[in-house]
Amino acid sequence: MLKGEYSHNIDAKGRLIIPAKFRDDLGEHFVITKGMENCLYVYPEDEWTTFEAKLNALPTTTDKKARAFAYFFQGAATDGDLDKQGRTLIPSNLREFAQLDKEVVFIGMGKRAEIWDKQRWVEKNTEVEENIEDIASDMEASGFSI
């Protein structure tokens, strides 16, 4: 399970160190794609295969929203590989989408990791912390309990 928060820097060539705690769960080969809220999602290969099967089951031939949803994730997906220093290359189109400049934060989300621009993550996390009681109440109404 991918969990925790780790800060790293992206270098001028777009290479990013994958946190050591995530390397075992992600493996040497993984998939990086666009994520919600302008972050990047990083999937272990097996989780990507499961997610992609769900995308492929959507009625993309006849449903415009289903097609757009698949475009968003599959069209941006790229293979991630670790080099000997534990780094991977984040393609420029994904760096631009996620507004990644220098400082980034990895967030473990169980079956996937997320990569955020550090400043944007601080803002998002502050927003979540300020609203956690309301969020928890909504989750409880949906059947989730702590």
N, C-alpha and C. Protein backbone atom coordinates (compact mmCIF):
# COMPACT_ATOMS: atom_id res chain seq x y z
N MET A 1 0.84 -1.19 0.00
CA MET A 1 0.00 0.00 0.00
C MET A 1 0.88 1.25 0.00
N LEU A 2 0.57 2.14 -0.89
CA LEU A 2 1.29 3.40 -0.98
C LEU A 2 0.69 4.37 0.03
N LYS A 3 1.52 4.84 0.94
CA LYS A 3 1.02 5.77 1.96
C LYS A 3 2.14 6.73 2.36
N GLY A 4 1.72 7.86 2.90
CA GLY A 4 2.68 8.84 3.38
C GLY A 4 2.85 10.01 2.44
N GLU A 5 3.65 10.96 2.89
CA GLU A 5 3.93 12.19 2.15
C GLU A 5 5.43 12.40 2.12
N TYR A 6 5.98 12.62 0.93
CA TYR A 6 7.42 12.75 0.75
C TYR A 6 7.72 13.90 -0.20
N SER A 7 8.65 14.76 0.17
CA SER A 7 9.04 15.88 -0.68
C SER A 7 10.34 15.56 -1.42
N HIS A 8 10.39 15.96 -2.68
CA HIS A 8 11.58 15.79 -3.52
C HIS A 8 11.65 16.95 -4.50
N ASN A 9 12.77 17.05 -5.18
CA ASN A 9 12.96 18.07 -6.21
C ASN A 9 13.05 17.41 -7.57
N ILE A 10 12.49 18.08 -8.56
CA ILE A 10 12.59 17.62 -9.94
C ILE A 10 13.76 18.37 -10.55
N ASP A 11 14.62 17.68 -11.31
CA ASP A 11 15.79 18.36 -11.86
C ASP A 11 15.46 19.04 -13.19
N ALA A 12 16.43 19.75 -13.74
CA ALA A 12 16.22 20.53 -14.96
C ALA A 12 15.85 19.66 -16.16
N LYS A 13 16.22 18.37 -16.12
CA LYS A 13 15.89 17.46 -17.21
C LYS A 13 14.54 16.77 -17.02
N GLY A 14 13.86 17.08 -15.90
CA GLY A 14 12.56 16.49 -15.65
C GLY A 14 12.61 15.15 -14.92
N ARG A 15 13.76 14.85 -14.33
CA ARG A 15 13.90 13.59 -13.59
C ARG A 15 13.53 13.81 -12.13
N LEU A 16 12.87 12.82 -11.58
CA LEU A 16 12.36 12.92 -10.22
C LEU A 16 12.67 11.63 -9.47
N ILE A 17 13.21 11.78 -8.26
CA ILE A 17 13.48 10.61 -7.42
C ILE A 17 12.15 10.08 -6.89
N ILE A 18 11.93 8.79 -7.06
CA ILE A 18 10.76 8.13 -6.48
C ILE A 18 11.12 7.80 -5.03
N PRO A 19 10.28 8.18 -4.08
CA PRO A 19 10.61 7.88 -2.67
C PRO A 19 10.91 6.39 -2.48
N ALA A 20 11.94 6.12 -1.71
CA ALA A 20 12.36 4.74 -1.46
C ALA A 20 11.20 3.89 -0.94
N LYS A 21 10.35 4.47 -0.09
CA LYS A 21 9.21 3.73 0.46
C LYS A 21 8.21 3.32 -0.61
N PHE A 22 8.18 4.03 -1.74
CA PHE A 22 7.23 3.73 -2.81
C PHE A 22 7.79 2.76 -3.85
N ARG A 23 9.11 2.64 -3.92
CA ARG A 23 9.72 1.85 -5.01
C ARG A 23 9.30 0.39 -5.00
N ASP A 24 9.21 -0.22 -3.83
CA ASP A 24 8.80 -1.63 -3.79
C ASP A 24 7.37 -1.81 -4.28
N ASP A 25 6.47 -0.91 -3.87
CA ASP A 25 5.07 -1.03 -4.27
C ASP A 25 4.86 -0.67 -5.74
N LEU A 26 5.60 0.30 -6.24
CA LEU A 26 5.46 0.68 -7.65
C LEU A 26 6.18 -0.28 -8.58
N GLY A 27 7.29 -0.84 -8.11
CA GLY A 27 8.10 -1.70 -8.96
C GLY A 27 9.00 -0.88 -9.87
N GLU A 28 9.75 -1.57 -10.72
CA GLU A 28 10.67 -0.88 -11.62
C GLU A 28 9.95 -0.23 -12.79
N HIS A 29 8.77 -0.74 -13.11
CA HIS A 29 7.98 -0.22 -14.23
C HIS A 29 6.59 0.14 -13.71
N PHE A 30 6.14 1.33 -14.04
CA PHE A 30 4.85 1.82 -13.57
C PHE A 30 4.30 2.76 -14.62
N VAL A 31 3.12 3.31 -14.37
CA VAL A 31 2.48 4.21 -15.34
C VAL A 31 2.20 5.55 -14.66
N ILE A 32 2.53 6.62 -15.37
CA ILE A 32 2.28 7.99 -14.90
C ILE A 32 1.28 8.62 -15.85
N THR A 33 0.25 9.26 -15.30
CA THR A 33 -0.73 9.92 -16.14
C THR A 33 -1.30 11.14 -15.43
N LYS A 34 -2.12 11.88 -16.16
CA LYS A 34 -2.81 13.02 -15.56
C LYS A 34 -3.71 12.53 -14.44
N GLY A 35 -3.88 13.37 -13.42
CA GLY A 35 -4.79 13.07 -12.34
C GLY A 35 -5.76 14.21 -12.13
N MET A 36 -6.69 14.01 -11.26
CA MET A 36 -7.66 15.05 -10.95
C MET A 36 -6.96 16.19 -10.20
N GLU A 37 -7.50 17.38 -10.29
CA GLU A 37 -7.00 18.58 -9.61
C GLU A 37 -5.57 18.93 -10.02
N ASN A 38 -5.21 18.62 -11.25
CA ASN A 38 -3.90 18.96 -11.82
C ASN A 38 -2.72 18.37 -11.06
N CYS A 39 -2.89 17.16 -10.57
CA CYS A 39 -1.75 16.43 -10.05
C CYS A 39 -1.50 15.28 -11.04
N LEU A 40 -0.49 14.47 -10.77
CA LEU A 40 -0.23 13.29 -11.58
C LEU A 40 -0.53 12.05 -10.76
N TYR A 41 -1.07 11.03 -11.42
CA TYR A 41 -1.29 9.73 -10.79
C TYR A 41 -0.17 8.80 -11.23
N VAL A 42 0.32 8.01 -10.29
CA VAL A 42 1.35 7.01 -10.57
C VAL A 42 0.81 5.66 -10.12
N TYR A 43 0.65 4.75 -11.09
CA TYR A 43 0.07 3.44 -10.83
C TYR A 43 1.11 2.34 -10.98
N PRO A 44 1.15 1.37 -10.05
CA PRO A 44 1.90 0.14 -10.32
C PRO A 44 1.28 -0.50 -11.57
N GLU A 45 2.06 -1.26 -12.31
CA GLU A 45 1.55 -1.85 -13.56
C GLU A 45 0.25 -2.63 -13.38
N ASP A 46 0.16 -3.44 -12.33
CA ASP A 46 -1.05 -4.25 -12.15
C ASP A 46 -2.27 -3.39 -11.85
N GLU A 47 -2.10 -2.32 -11.08
CA GLU A 47 -3.23 -1.42 -10.80
C GLU A 47 -3.63 -0.64 -12.05
N TRP A 48 -2.64 -0.25 -12.86
CA TRP A 48 -2.95 0.42 -14.12
C TRP A 48 -3.75 -0.51 -15.04
N THR A 49 -3.35 -1.75 -15.10
CA THR A 49 -4.06 -2.73 -15.95
C THR A 49 -5.52 -2.84 -15.53
N THR A 50 -5.77 -2.87 -14.23
CA THR A 50 -7.14 -2.93 -13.71
C THR A 50 -7.90 -1.66 -14.06
N PHE A 51 -7.27 -0.50 -13.85
CA PHE A 51 -7.91 0.78 -14.15
C PHE A 51 -8.17 0.91 -15.65
N GLU A 52 -7.21 0.53 -16.46
CA GLU A 52 -7.36 0.63 -17.91
C GLU A 52 -8.47 -0.28 -18.42
N ALA A 53 -8.63 -1.44 -17.80
CA ALA A 53 -9.72 -2.35 -18.19
C ALA A 53 -11.08 -1.67 -17.94
N LYS A 54 -11.19 -0.95 -16.83
CA LYS A 54 -12.43 -0.21 -16.55
C LYS A 54 -12.65 0.89 -17.59
N LEU A 55 -11.58 1.58 -17.96
CA LEU A 55 -11.70 2.62 -18.99
C LEU A 55 -12.12 2.00 -20.33
N ASN A 56 -11.52 0.87 -20.66
CA ASN A 56 -11.82 0.20 -21.93
C ASN A 56 -13.24 -0.35 -21.98
N ALA A 57 -13.84 -0.56 -20.82
CA ALA A 57 -15.22 -1.07 -20.76
C ALA A 57 -16.25 0.05 -20.94
N LEU A 58 -15.80 1.30 -20.88
CA LEU A 58 -16.72 2.41 -21.06
C LEU A 58 -17.24 2.44 -22.50
N PRO A 59 -18.45 2.95 -22.69
CA PRO A 59 -19.02 3.01 -24.05
C PRO A 59 -18.46 4.20 -24.84
N THR A 60 -17.16 4.16 -25.14
CA THR A 60 -16.50 5.29 -25.78
C THR A 60 -16.94 5.53 -27.22
N THR A 61 -17.53 4.54 -27.85
CA THR A 61 -17.99 4.72 -29.22
C THR A 61 -19.21 5.63 -29.28
N THR A 62 -20.07 5.52 -28.28
CA THR A 62 -21.34 6.25 -28.33
C THR A 62 -21.50 7.33 -27.27
N ASP A 63 -20.65 7.34 -26.28
CA ASP A 63 -20.80 8.28 -25.17
C ASP A 63 -19.64 9.28 -25.15
N LYS A 64 -19.95 10.54 -25.44
CA LYS A 64 -18.93 11.58 -25.53
C LYS A 64 -18.18 11.79 -24.22
N LYS A 65 -18.89 11.77 -23.09
CA LYS A 65 -18.23 11.95 -21.79
C LYS A 65 -17.33 10.77 -21.45
N ALA A 66 -17.76 9.57 -21.77
CA ALA A 66 -16.93 8.38 -21.54
C ALA A 66 -15.65 8.47 -22.37
N ARG A 67 -15.80 8.91 -23.62
CA ARG A 67 -14.65 9.06 -24.50
C ARG A 67 -13.69 10.11 -23.94
N ALA A 68 -14.21 11.24 -23.49
CA ALA A 68 -13.37 12.29 -22.92
C ALA A 68 -12.65 11.81 -21.66
N PHE A 69 -13.36 11.04 -20.83
CA PHE A 69 -12.77 10.50 -19.61
C PHE A 69 -11.60 9.58 -19.95
N ALA A 70 -11.78 8.71 -20.94
CA ALA A 70 -10.70 7.81 -21.37
C ALA A 70 -9.54 8.60 -21.98
N TYR A 71 -9.86 9.60 -22.81
CA TYR A 71 -8.80 10.44 -23.39
C TYR A 71 -7.92 11.03 -22.29
N PHE A 72 -8.57 11.55 -21.26
CA PHE A 72 -7.86 12.25 -20.19
C PHE A 72 -6.79 11.36 -19.58
N PHE A 73 -7.16 10.14 -19.21
CA PHE A 73 -6.22 9.25 -18.53
C PHE A 73 -5.32 8.48 -19.50
N GLN A 74 -5.92 7.83 -20.49
CA GLN A 74 -5.12 6.98 -21.38
C GLN A 74 -4.27 7.80 -22.35
N GLY A 75 -4.80 8.92 -22.81
CA GLY A 75 -4.06 9.72 -23.78
C GLY A 75 -2.79 10.32 -23.22
N ALA A 76 -2.77 10.55 -21.92
CA ALA A 76 -1.60 11.16 -21.28
C ALA A 76 -0.68 10.13 -20.64
N ALA A 77 -1.09 8.88 -20.58
CA ALA A 77 -0.33 7.86 -19.86
C ALA A 77 1.03 7.61 -20.50
N THR A 78 2.02 7.45 -19.65
CA THR A 78 3.37 7.13 -20.11
C THR A 78 3.98 6.10 -19.17
N ASP A 79 4.87 5.31 -19.71
CA ASP A 79 5.56 4.32 -18.89
C ASP A 79 6.64 5.00 -18.06
N GLY A 80 6.69 4.66 -16.80
CA GLY A 80 7.73 5.14 -15.91
C GLY A 80 8.69 4.01 -15.61
N ASP A 81 9.96 4.32 -15.64
CA ASP A 81 11.00 3.35 -15.32
C ASP A 81 11.99 3.99 -14.36
N LEU A 82 12.54 3.19 -13.48
CA LEU A 82 13.54 3.70 -12.53
C LEU A 82 14.94 3.56 -13.12
N ASP A 83 15.75 4.61 -12.95
CA ASP A 83 17.17 4.48 -13.30
C ASP A 83 17.92 3.99 -12.06
N LYS A 84 19.23 3.90 -12.16
CA LYS A 84 20.02 3.35 -11.05
C LYS A 84 19.98 4.22 -9.80
N GLN A 85 19.62 5.51 -9.95
CA GLN A 85 19.53 6.41 -8.80
C GLN A 85 18.11 6.47 -8.24
N GLY A 86 17.19 5.65 -8.76
CA GLY A 86 15.82 5.65 -8.28
C GLY A 86 14.99 6.79 -8.83
N ARG A 87 15.41 7.32 -9.99
CA ARG A 87 14.69 8.44 -10.61
C ARG A 87 13.88 7.94 -11.81
N THR A 88 12.87 8.75 -12.15
CA THR A 88 12.11 8.53 -13.39
C THR A 88 11.97 9.86 -14.09
N LEU A 89 11.79 9.81 -15.39
CA LEU A 89 11.60 11.01 -16.19
C LEU A 89 10.12 11.34 -16.26
N ILE A 90 9.78 12.57 -15.91
CA ILE A 90 8.40 13.05 -16.05
C ILE A 90 8.36 13.84 -17.37
N PRO A 91 7.62 13.36 -18.37
CA PRO A 91 7.59 14.07 -19.66
C PRO A 91 7.10 15.51 -19.50
N SER A 92 7.55 16.37 -20.40
CA SER A 92 7.24 17.79 -20.30
C SER A 92 5.74 18.07 -20.32
N ASN A 93 4.96 17.31 -21.11
CA ASN A 93 3.51 17.56 -21.14
C ASN A 93 2.87 17.29 -19.78
N LEU A 94 3.36 16.30 -19.05
CA LEU A 94 2.81 16.02 -17.72
C LEU A 94 3.32 17.02 -16.69
N ARG A 95 4.57 17.44 -16.83
CA ARG A 95 5.09 18.49 -15.92
C ARG A 95 4.29 19.77 -16.09
N GLU A 96 3.98 20.12 -17.33
CA GLU A 96 3.19 21.33 -17.58
C GLU A 96 1.78 21.19 -17.02
N PHE A 97 1.15 20.05 -17.26
CA PHE A 97 -0.22 19.82 -16.76
C PHE A 97 -0.28 19.99 -15.24
N ALA A 98 0.68 19.40 -14.54
CA ALA A 98 0.68 19.42 -13.07
C ALA A 98 1.41 20.64 -12.50
N GLN A 99 1.88 21.50 -13.37
CA GLN A 99 2.58 22.72 -12.97
C GLN A 99 3.77 22.41 -12.06
N LEU A 100 4.51 21.35 -12.42
CA LEU A 100 5.67 20.95 -11.63
C LEU A 100 6.86 21.77 -12.07
N ASP A 101 7.48 22.43 -11.10
CA ASP A 101 8.64 23.25 -11.40
C ASP A 101 9.88 22.66 -10.74
N LYS A 102 10.02 22.81 -9.46
CA LYS A 102 11.20 22.33 -8.75
C LYS A 102 10.80 21.41 -7.59
N GLU A 103 10.04 21.96 -6.64
CA GLU A 103 9.68 21.19 -5.45
C GLU A 103 8.36 20.46 -5.68
N VAL A 104 8.37 19.16 -5.41
CA VAL A 104 7.16 18.35 -5.57
C VAL A 104 6.93 17.53 -4.31
N VAL A 105 5.70 17.05 -4.18
CA VAL A 105 5.33 16.21 -3.05
C VAL A 105 4.67 14.95 -3.61
N PHE A 106 5.11 13.80 -3.10
CA PHE A 106 4.48 12.51 -3.39
C PHE A 106 3.49 12.23 -2.28
N ILE A 107 2.30 11.81 -2.64
CA ILE A 107 1.28 11.44 -1.67
C ILE A 107 0.88 10.00 -1.96
N GLY A 108 0.96 9.15 -0.95
CA GLY A 108 0.50 7.77 -1.10
C GLY A 108 -1.01 7.71 -0.95
N MET A 109 -1.67 7.08 -1.91
CA MET A 109 -3.14 7.00 -1.90
C MET A 109 -3.61 5.54 -1.95
N GLY A 110 -2.83 4.66 -1.35
CA GLY A 110 -3.23 3.25 -1.31
C GLY A 110 -2.78 2.52 -2.56
N LYS A 111 -3.65 2.49 -3.57
CA LYS A 111 -3.35 1.75 -4.80
C LYS A 111 -2.55 2.56 -5.81
N ARG A 112 -2.42 3.87 -5.58
CA ARG A 112 -1.66 4.72 -6.47
C ARG A 112 -0.97 5.80 -5.64
N ALA A 113 -0.01 6.47 -6.27
CA ALA A 113 0.62 7.64 -5.67
C ALA A 113 0.19 8.86 -6.48
N GLU A 114 0.29 10.02 -5.87
CA GLU A 114 0.04 11.27 -6.57
C GLU A 114 1.27 12.14 -6.46
N ILE A 115 1.53 12.92 -7.52
CA ILE A 115 2.63 13.88 -7.53
C ILE A 115 2.02 15.26 -7.66
N TRP A 116 2.34 16.12 -6.70
CA TRP A 116 1.81 17.48 -6.66
C TRP A 116 2.95 18.49 -6.65
N ASP A 117 2.72 19.64 -7.24
CA ASP A 117 3.59 20.79 -7.02
C ASP A 117 3.49 21.11 -5.52
N LYS A 118 4.63 21.35 -4.89
CA LYS A 118 4.62 21.51 -3.44
C LYS A 118 3.71 22.63 -2.96
N GLN A 119 3.77 23.80 -3.57
CA GLN A 119 2.95 24.92 -3.14
C GLN A 119 1.46 24.61 -3.31
N ARG A 120 1.10 23.99 -4.44
CA ARG A 120 -0.30 23.64 -4.66
C ARG A 120 -0.76 22.59 -3.65
N TRP A 121 0.13 21.65 -3.27
CA TRP A 121 -0.22 20.66 -2.27
C TRP A 121 -0.45 21.32 -0.90
N VAL A 122 0.40 22.25 -0.54
CA VAL A 122 0.24 22.96 0.74
C VAL A 122 -1.13 23.64 0.77
N GLU A 123 -1.50 24.30 -0.32
CA GLU A 123 -2.80 24.97 -0.40
C GLU A 123 -3.95 23.96 -0.30
N LYS A 124 -3.86 22.86 -1.05
CA LYS A 124 -4.91 21.82 -1.03
C LYS A 124 -5.01 21.20 0.35
N ASN A 125 -3.88 20.85 0.94
CA ASN A 125 -3.88 20.21 2.25
C ASN A 125 -4.44 21.14 3.32
N THR A 126 -4.12 22.42 3.24
CA THR A 126 -4.67 23.40 4.18
C THR A 126 -6.19 23.47 4.04
N GLU A 127 -6.66 23.49 2.81
CA GLU A 127 -8.11 23.51 2.56
C GLU A 127 -8.79 22.28 3.16
N VAL A 128 -8.18 21.12 2.96
CA VAL A 128 -8.74 19.88 3.51
C VAL A 128 -8.76 19.93 5.03
N GLU A 129 -7.65 20.33 5.63
CA GLU A 129 -7.57 20.39 7.09
C GLU A 129 -8.60 21.34 7.68
N GLU A 130 -8.83 22.48 6.99
CA GLU A 130 -9.80 23.45 7.49
C GLU A 130 -11.24 22.94 7.40
N ASN A 131 -11.48 21.99 6.50
CA ASN A 131 -12.84 21.50 6.26
C ASN A 131 -13.05 20.04 6.63
N ILE A 132 -12.12 19.45 7.37
CA ILE A 132 -12.16 18.00 7.61
C ILE A 132 -13.42 17.56 8.36
N GLU A 133 -13.95 18.38 9.26
CA GLU A 133 -15.14 17.97 9.98
C GLU A 133 -16.35 17.86 9.05
N ASP A 134 -16.51 18.83 8.16
CA ASP A 134 -17.59 18.77 7.18
C ASP A 134 -17.39 17.60 6.22
N ILE A 135 -16.15 17.40 5.80
CA ILE A 135 -15.84 16.28 4.91
C ILE A 135 -16.16 14.96 5.59
N ALA A 136 -15.76 14.83 6.86
CA ALA A 136 -16.02 13.60 7.61
C ALA A 136 -17.52 13.36 7.75
N SER A 137 -18.27 14.42 7.98
CA SER A 137 -19.73 14.30 8.09
C SER A 137 -20.33 13.79 6.78
N ASP A 138 -19.86 14.33 5.66
CA ASP A 138 -20.34 13.88 4.35
C ASP A 138 -19.96 12.41 4.10
N MET A 139 -18.77 12.02 4.51
CA MET A 139 -18.34 10.64 4.32
C MET A 139 -19.18 9.70 5.17
N GLU A 140 -19.49 10.13 6.40
CA GLU A 140 -20.34 9.33 7.28
C GLU A 140 -21.72 9.15 6.68
N ALA A 141 -22.26 10.22 6.06
CA ALA A 141 -23.58 10.14 5.41
C ALA A 141 -23.53 9.18 4.22
N SER A 142 -22.34 8.97 3.66
CA SER A 142 -22.17 8.04 2.53
C SER A 142 -21.89 6.63 3.01
N GLY A 143 -21.86 6.42 4.33
CA GLY A 143 -21.65 5.08 4.87
C GLY A 143 -20.25 4.80 5.38
N PHE A 144 -19.36 5.77 5.33
CA PHE A 144 -18.00 5.58 5.82
C PHE A 144 -17.92 6.05 7.26
N SER A 145 -17.33 5.22 8.11
CA SER A 145 -17.16 5.64 9.51
C SER A 145 -15.69 5.45 9.91
N ILE A 146 -15.30 6.29 10.85
CA ILE A 146 -13.90 6.25 11.32
C ILE A 146 -13.80 5.22 12.42
